[in-house]
Amino acid sequence: MLDLLVRAPRSFEQLATTAALSVANASQHLQRLKHAGLVVGERQGTTIRYRLADPTVARLWTE
């Protein structure tokens, strides 16, 4: 999921589908990433879009 979010913010549905994860599994991954402070969610209407919490997360992931 981090690899997908390094490229661009995505909705929960986009993340689950693109990562080929079940809804339950994708939800668990996102909860752990949020708890670790690596991603944040922003509400846009009825959708929550997830993005990296900080640009340093992308550097950490790509190096």
PDB file of N, CA and C in Angstrom:
ATOM      1  N   MET A   1       0.809  -1.189   0.000  1.00  0.00           N
ATOM      2  CA  MET A   1       0.000   0.000   0.000  1.00  0.00           C
ATOM      3  C   MET A   1       0.858   1.261   0.000  1.00  0.00           C
ATOM      4  N   LEU A   2       1.955   1.212   0.737  1.00  0.00           N
ATOM      5  CA  LEU A   2       2.825   2.393   0.726  1.00  0.00           C
ATOM      6  C   LEU A   2       3.329   2.678  -0.680  1.00  0.00           C
ATOM      7  N   ASP A   3       3.640   1.627  -1.415  1.00  0.00           N
ATOM      8  CA  ASP A   3       4.112   1.813  -2.784  1.00  0.00           C
ATOM      9  C   ASP A   3       3.067   2.548  -3.620  1.00  0.00           C
ATOM     10  N   LEU A   4       1.813   2.223  -3.432  1.00  0.00           N
ATOM     11  CA  LEU A   4       0.732   2.883  -4.173  1.00  0.00           C
ATOM     12  C   LEU A   4       0.577   4.335  -3.723  1.00  0.00           C
ATOM     13  N   LEU A   5       0.706   4.569  -2.429  1.00  0.00           N
ATOM     14  CA  LEU A   5       0.523   5.921  -1.909  1.00  0.00           C
ATOM     15  C   LEU A   5       1.711   6.826  -2.187  1.00  0.00           C
ATOM     16  N   VAL A   6       2.880   6.244  -2.431  1.00  0.00           N
ATOM     17  CA  VAL A   6       4.029   7.057  -2.836  1.00  0.00           C
ATOM     18  C   VAL A   6       3.734   7.707  -4.179  1.00  0.00           C
ATOM     19  N   ARG A   7       3.009   6.992  -5.024  1.00  0.00           N
ATOM     20  CA  ARG A   7       2.685   7.495  -6.373  1.00  0.00           C
ATOM     21  C   ARG A   7       1.616   8.576  -6.356  1.00  0.00           C
ATOM     22  N   ALA A   8       0.576   8.381  -5.519  1.00  0.00           N
ATOM     23  CA  ALA A   8      -0.528   9.354  -5.476  1.00  0.00           C
ATOM     24  C   ALA A   8      -1.500   9.002  -4.356  1.00  0.00           C
ATOM     25  N   PRO A   9      -2.191  10.001  -3.802  1.00  0.00           N
ATOM     26  CA  PRO A   9      -3.251   9.708  -2.823  1.00  0.00           C
ATOM     27  C   PRO A   9      -4.339   8.862  -3.484  1.00  0.00           C
ATOM     28  N   ARG A  10      -4.973   8.005  -2.697  1.00  0.00           N
ATOM     29  CA  ARG A  10      -6.012   7.126  -3.238  1.00  0.00           C
ATOM     30  C   ARG A  10      -7.106   6.903  -2.208  1.00  0.00           C
ATOM     31  N   SER A  11      -8.275   6.564  -2.712  1.00  0.00           N
ATOM     32  CA  SER A  11      -9.383   6.216  -1.826  1.00  0.00           C
ATOM     33  C   SER A  11      -9.176   4.792  -1.316  1.00  0.00           C
ATOM     34  N   PHE A  12      -9.899   4.444  -0.283  1.00  0.00           N
ATOM     35  CA  PHE A  12      -9.821   3.097   0.274  1.00  0.00           C
ATOM     36  C   PHE A  12     -10.134   2.055  -0.803  1.00  0.00           C
ATOM     37  N   GLU A  13     -11.176   2.306  -1.576  1.00  0.00           N
ATOM     38  CA  GLU A  13     -11.575   1.362  -2.622  1.00  0.00           C
ATOM     39  C   GLU A  13     -10.475   1.191  -3.660  1.00  0.00           C
ATOM     40  N   GLN A  14      -9.853   2.295  -4.060  1.00  0.00           N
ATOM     41  CA  GLN A  14      -8.757   2.220  -5.032  1.00  0.00           C
ATOM     42  C   GLN A  14      -7.590   1.422  -4.468  1.00  0.00           C
ATOM     43  N   LEU A  15      -7.267   1.644  -3.209  1.00  0.00           N
ATOM     44  CA  LEU A  15      -6.163   0.920  -2.590  1.00  0.00           C
ATOM     45  C   LEU A  15      -6.451  -0.578  -2.531  1.00  0.00           C
ATOM     46  N   ALA A  16      -7.629  -0.931  -2.057  1.00  0.00           N
ATOM     47  CA  ALA A  16      -7.977  -2.350  -1.923  1.00  0.00           C
ATOM     48  C   ALA A  16      -7.983  -3.041  -3.282  1.00  0.00           C
ATOM     49  N   THR A  17      -8.572  -2.403  -4.267  1.00  0.00           N
ATOM     50  CA  THR A  17      -8.658  -3.004  -5.600  1.00  0.00           C
ATOM     51  C   THR A  17      -7.290  -3.125  -6.247  1.00  0.00           C
ATOM     52  N   THR A  18      -6.518  -2.055  -6.230  1.00  0.00           N
ATOM     53  CA  THR A  18      -5.213  -2.054  -6.887  1.00  0.00           C
ATOM     54  C   THR A  18      -4.243  -3.016  -6.206  1.00  0.00           C
ATOM     55  N   ALA A  19      -4.337  -3.120  -4.889  1.00  0.00           N
ATOM     56  CA  ALA A  19      -3.454  -4.023  -4.152  1.00  0.00           C
ATOM     57  C   ALA A  19      -3.982  -5.461  -4.142  1.00  0.00           C
ATOM     58  N   ALA A  20      -5.155  -5.669  -4.713  1.00  0.00           N
ATOM     59  CA  ALA A  20      -5.797  -6.998  -4.766  1.00  0.00           C
ATOM     60  C   ALA A  20      -5.970  -7.582  -3.362  1.00  0.00           C
ATOM     61  N   LEU A  21      -6.461  -6.740  -2.447  1.00  0.00           N
ATOM     62  CA  LEU A  21      -6.701  -7.160  -1.073  1.00  0.00           C
ATOM     63  C   LEU A  21      -8.196  -7.185  -0.789  1.00  0.00           C
ATOM     64  N   SER A  22      -8.601  -8.041   0.130  1.00  0.00           N
ATOM     65  CA  SER A  22      -9.990  -8.024   0.570  1.00  0.00           C
ATOM     66  C   SER A  22     -10.225  -6.730   1.348  1.00  0.00           C
ATOM     67  N   VAL A  23     -11.469  -6.367   1.504  1.00  0.00           N
ATOM     68  CA  VAL A  23     -11.816  -5.147   2.242  1.00  0.00           C
ATOM     69  C   VAL A  23     -11.281  -5.238   3.673  1.00  0.00           C
ATOM     70  N   ALA A  24     -11.461  -6.379   4.310  1.00  0.00           N
ATOM     71  CA  ALA A  24     -10.999  -6.552   5.688  1.00  0.00           C
ATOM     72  C   ALA A  24      -9.479  -6.441   5.783  1.00  0.00           C
ATOM     73  N   ASN A  25      -8.771  -7.071   4.862  1.00  0.00           N
ATOM     74  CA  ASN A  25      -7.314  -7.040   4.872  1.00  0.00           C
ATOM     75  C   ASN A  25      -6.795  -5.627   4.587  1.00  0.00           C
ATOM     76  N   ALA A  26      -7.377  -4.958   3.616  1.00  0.00           N
ATOM     77  CA  ALA A  26      -6.976  -3.586   3.291  1.00  0.00           C
ATOM     78  C   ALA A  26      -7.221  -2.664   4.481  1.00  0.00           C
ATOM     79  N   SER A  27      -8.334  -2.853   5.153  1.00  0.00           N
ATOM     80  CA  SER A  27      -8.663  -2.038   6.315  1.00  0.00           C
ATOM     81  C   SER A  27      -7.628  -2.230   7.423  1.00  0.00           C
ATOM     82  N   GLN A  28      -7.227  -3.466   7.679  1.00  0.00           N
ATOM     83  CA  GLN A  28      -6.217  -3.747   8.698  1.00  0.00           C
ATOM     84  C   GLN A  28      -4.881  -3.086   8.343  1.00  0.00           C
ATOM     85  N   HIS A  29      -4.482  -3.194   7.084  1.00  0.00           N
ATOM     86  CA  HIS A  29      -3.230  -2.568   6.640  1.00  0.00           C
ATOM     87  C   HIS A  29      -3.280  -1.060   6.856  1.00  0.00           C
ATOM     88  N   LEU A  30      -4.370  -0.428   6.440  1.00  0.00           N
ATOM     89  CA  LEU A  30      -4.484   1.025   6.595  1.00  0.00           C
ATOM     90  C   LEU A  30      -4.492   1.441   8.062  1.00  0.00           C
ATOM     91  N   GLN A  31      -5.172   0.698   8.895  1.00  0.00           N
ATOM     92  CA  GLN A  31      -5.209   1.026  10.318  1.00  0.00           C
ATOM     93  C   GLN A  31      -3.813   0.984  10.922  1.00  0.00           C
ATOM     94  N   ARG A  32      -3.035  -0.012  10.547  1.00  0.00           N
ATOM     95  CA  ARG A  32      -1.669  -0.120  11.083  1.00  0.00           C
ATOM     96  C   ARG A  32      -0.768   0.996  10.553  1.00  0.00           C
ATOM     97  N   LEU A  33      -0.926   1.324   9.279  1.00  0.00           N
ATOM     98  CA  LEU A  33      -0.135   2.405   8.702  1.00  0.00           C
ATOM     99  C   LEU A  33      -0.496   3.744   9.346  1.00  0.00           C
ATOM    100  N   LYS A  34      -1.793   3.954   9.603  1.00  0.00           N
ATOM    101  CA  LYS A  34      -2.228   5.187  10.264  1.00  0.00           C
ATOM    102  C   LYS A  34      -1.701   5.240  11.695  1.00  0.00           C
ATOM    103  N   HIS A  35      -1.800   4.131  12.406  1.00  0.00           N
ATOM    104  CA  HIS A  35      -1.328   4.070  13.790  1.00  0.00           C
ATOM    105  C   HIS A  35       0.175   4.338  13.876  1.00  0.00           C
ATOM    106  N   ALA A  36       0.917   3.904  12.873  1.00  0.00           N
ATOM    107  CA  ALA A  36       2.359   4.136  12.826  1.00  0.00           C
ATOM    108  C   ALA A  36       2.702   5.562  12.389  1.00  0.00           C
ATOM    109  N   GLY A  37       1.686   6.331  11.978  1.00  0.00           N
ATOM    110  CA  GLY A  37       1.910   7.707  11.558  1.00  0.00           C
ATOM    111  C   GLY A  37       2.464   7.845  10.151  1.00  0.00           C
ATOM    112  N   LEU A  38       2.325   6.786   9.345  1.00  0.00           N
ATOM    113  CA  LEU A  38       2.854   6.818   7.983  1.00  0.00           C
ATOM    114  C   LEU A  38       1.862   7.358   6.967  1.00  0.00           C
ATOM    115  N   VAL A  39       0.564   7.193   7.228  1.00  0.00           N
ATOM    116  CA  VAL A  39      -0.462   7.695   6.310  1.00  0.00           C
ATOM    117  C   VAL A  39      -1.530   8.449   7.095  1.00  0.00           C
ATOM    118  N   VAL A  40      -2.224   9.317   6.392  1.00  0.00           N
ATOM    119  CA  VAL A  40      -3.361  10.036   6.958  1.00  0.00           C
ATOM    120  C   VAL A  40      -4.512   9.976   5.956  1.00  0.00           C
ATOM    121  N   GLY A  41      -5.711  10.074   6.483  1.00  0.00           N
ATOM    122  CA  GLY A  41      -6.896  10.097   5.630  1.00  0.00           C
ATOM    123  C   GLY A  41      -7.545  11.457   5.669  1.00  0.00           C
ATOM    124  N   GLU A  42      -8.012  11.901   4.517  1.00  0.00           N
ATOM    125  CA  GLU A  42      -8.702  13.183   4.421  1.00  0.00           C
ATOM    126  C   GLU A  42     -10.053  12.956   3.765  1.00  0.00           C
ATOM    127  N   ARG A  43     -11.094  13.423   4.424  1.00  0.00           N
ATOM    128  CA  ARG A  43     -12.445  13.250   3.883  1.00  0.00           C
ATOM    129  C   ARG A  43     -12.682  14.225   2.748  1.00  0.00           C
ATOM    130  N   GLN A  44     -13.185  13.690   1.637  1.00  0.00           N
ATOM    131  CA  GLN A  44     -13.594  14.499   0.489  1.00  0.00           C
ATOM    132  C   GLN A  44     -15.008  14.061   0.132  1.00  0.00           C
ATOM    133  N   GLY A  45     -15.977  14.775   0.679  1.00  0.00           N
ATOM    134  CA  GLY A  45     -17.369  14.363   0.494  1.00  0.00           C
ATOM    135  C   GLY A  45     -17.613  13.087   1.280  1.00  0.00           C
ATOM    136  N   THR A  46     -18.060  12.049   0.604  1.00  0.00           N
ATOM    137  CA  THR A  46     -18.316  10.774   1.270  1.00  0.00           C
ATOM    138  C   THR A  46     -17.135   9.816   1.170  1.00  0.00           C
ATOM    139  N   THR A  47     -16.059  10.262   0.552  1.00  0.00           N
ATOM    140  CA  THR A  47     -14.889   9.412   0.343  1.00  0.00           C
ATOM    141  C   THR A  47     -13.733   9.886   1.215  1.00  0.00           C
ATOM    142  N   ILE A  48     -12.959   8.946   1.724  1.00  0.00           N
ATOM    143  CA  ILE A  48     -11.741   9.290   2.438  1.00  0.00           C
ATOM    144  C   ILE A  48     -10.572   8.919   1.538  1.00  0.00           C
ATOM    145  N   ARG A  49      -9.741   9.919   1.257  1.00  0.00           N
ATOM    146  CA  ARG A  49      -8.547   9.695   0.433  1.00  0.00           C
ATOM    147  C   ARG A  49      -7.346   9.617   1.360  1.00  0.00           C
ATOM    148  N   TYR A  50      -6.550   8.596   1.153  1.00  0.00           N
ATOM    149  CA  TYR A  50      -5.362   8.380   1.981  1.00  0.00           C
ATOM    150  C   TYR A  50      -4.135   8.878   1.242  1.00  0.00           C
ATOM    151  N   ARG A  51      -3.204   9.422   2.014  1.00  0.00           N
ATOM    152  CA  ARG A  51      -1.947   9.915   1.459  1.00  0.00           C
ATOM    153  C   ARG A  51      -0.865   9.687   2.497  1.00  0.00           C
ATOM    154  N   LEU A  52       0.379   9.807   2.065  1.00  0.00           N
ATOM    155  CA  LEU A  52       1.488   9.694   2.995  1.00  0.00           C
ATOM    156  C   LEU A  52       1.429  10.845   3.986  1.00  0.00           C
ATOM    157  N   ALA A  53       1.762  10.582   5.225  1.00  0.00           N
ATOM    158  CA  ALA A  53       1.673  11.601   6.267  1.00  0.00           C
ATOM    159  C   ALA A  53       2.704  12.702   6.079  1.00  0.00           C
ATOM    160  N   ASP A  54       3.829  12.365   5.446  1.00  0.00           N
ATOM    161  CA  ASP A  54       4.918  13.325   5.323  1.00  0.00           C
ATOM    162  C   ASP A  54       5.798  12.919   4.142  1.00  0.00           C
ATOM    163  N   PRO A  55       6.403  13.869   3.463  1.00  0.00           N
ATOM    164  CA  PRO A  55       7.286  13.522   2.330  1.00  0.00           C
ATOM    165  C   PRO A  55       8.466  12.612   2.740  1.00  0.00           C
ATOM    166  N   THR A  56       8.852  12.652   3.990  1.00  0.00           N
ATOM    167  CA  THR A  56       9.962  11.790   4.418  1.00  0.00           C
ATOM    168  C   THR A  56       9.591  10.320   4.350  1.00  0.00           C
ATOM    169  N   VAL A  57       8.308   9.999   4.439  1.00  0.00           N
ATOM    170  CA  VAL A  57       7.868   8.613   4.303  1.00  0.00           C
ATOM    171  C   VAL A  57       8.196   8.105   2.904  1.00  0.00           C
ATOM    172  N   ALA A  58       7.982   8.935   1.895  1.00  0.00           N
ATOM    173  CA  ALA A  58       8.304   8.540   0.515  1.00  0.00           C
ATOM    174  C   ALA A  58       9.801   8.319   0.358  1.00  0.00           C
ATOM    175  N   ARG A  59      10.590   9.184   0.940  1.00  0.00           N
ATOM    176  CA  ARG A  59      12.051   9.009   0.848  1.00  0.00           C
ATOM    177  C   ARG A  59      12.486   7.734   1.547  1.00  0.00           C
ATOM    178  N   LEU A  60      11.918   7.466   2.697  1.00  0.00           N
ATOM    179  CA  LEU A  60      12.231   6.242   3.415  1.00  0.00           C
ATOM    180  C   LEU A  60      11.890   5.009   2.582  1.00  0.00           C
ATOM    181  N   TRP A  61      10.742   5.056   1.936  1.00  0.00           N
ATOM    182  CA  TRP A  61      10.248   3.906   1.174  1.00  0.00           C
ATOM    183  C   TRP A  61      11.061   3.682  -0.092  1.00  0.00           C
ATOM    184  N   THR A  62      11.505   4.745  -0.732  1.00  0.00           N
ATOM    185  CA  THR A  62      12.180   4.604  -2.028  1.00  0.00           C
ATOM    186  C   THR A  62      13.690   4.417  -1.913  1.00  0.00           C
ATOM    187  N   GLU A  63      14.245   4.677  -0.758  1.00  0.00           N
ATOM    188  CA  GLU A  63      15.705   4.532  -0.620  1.00  0.00           C
ATOM    189  C   GLU A  63      16.091   3.156  -0.157  1.00  0.00           C
TER     190      GLU A  63
END
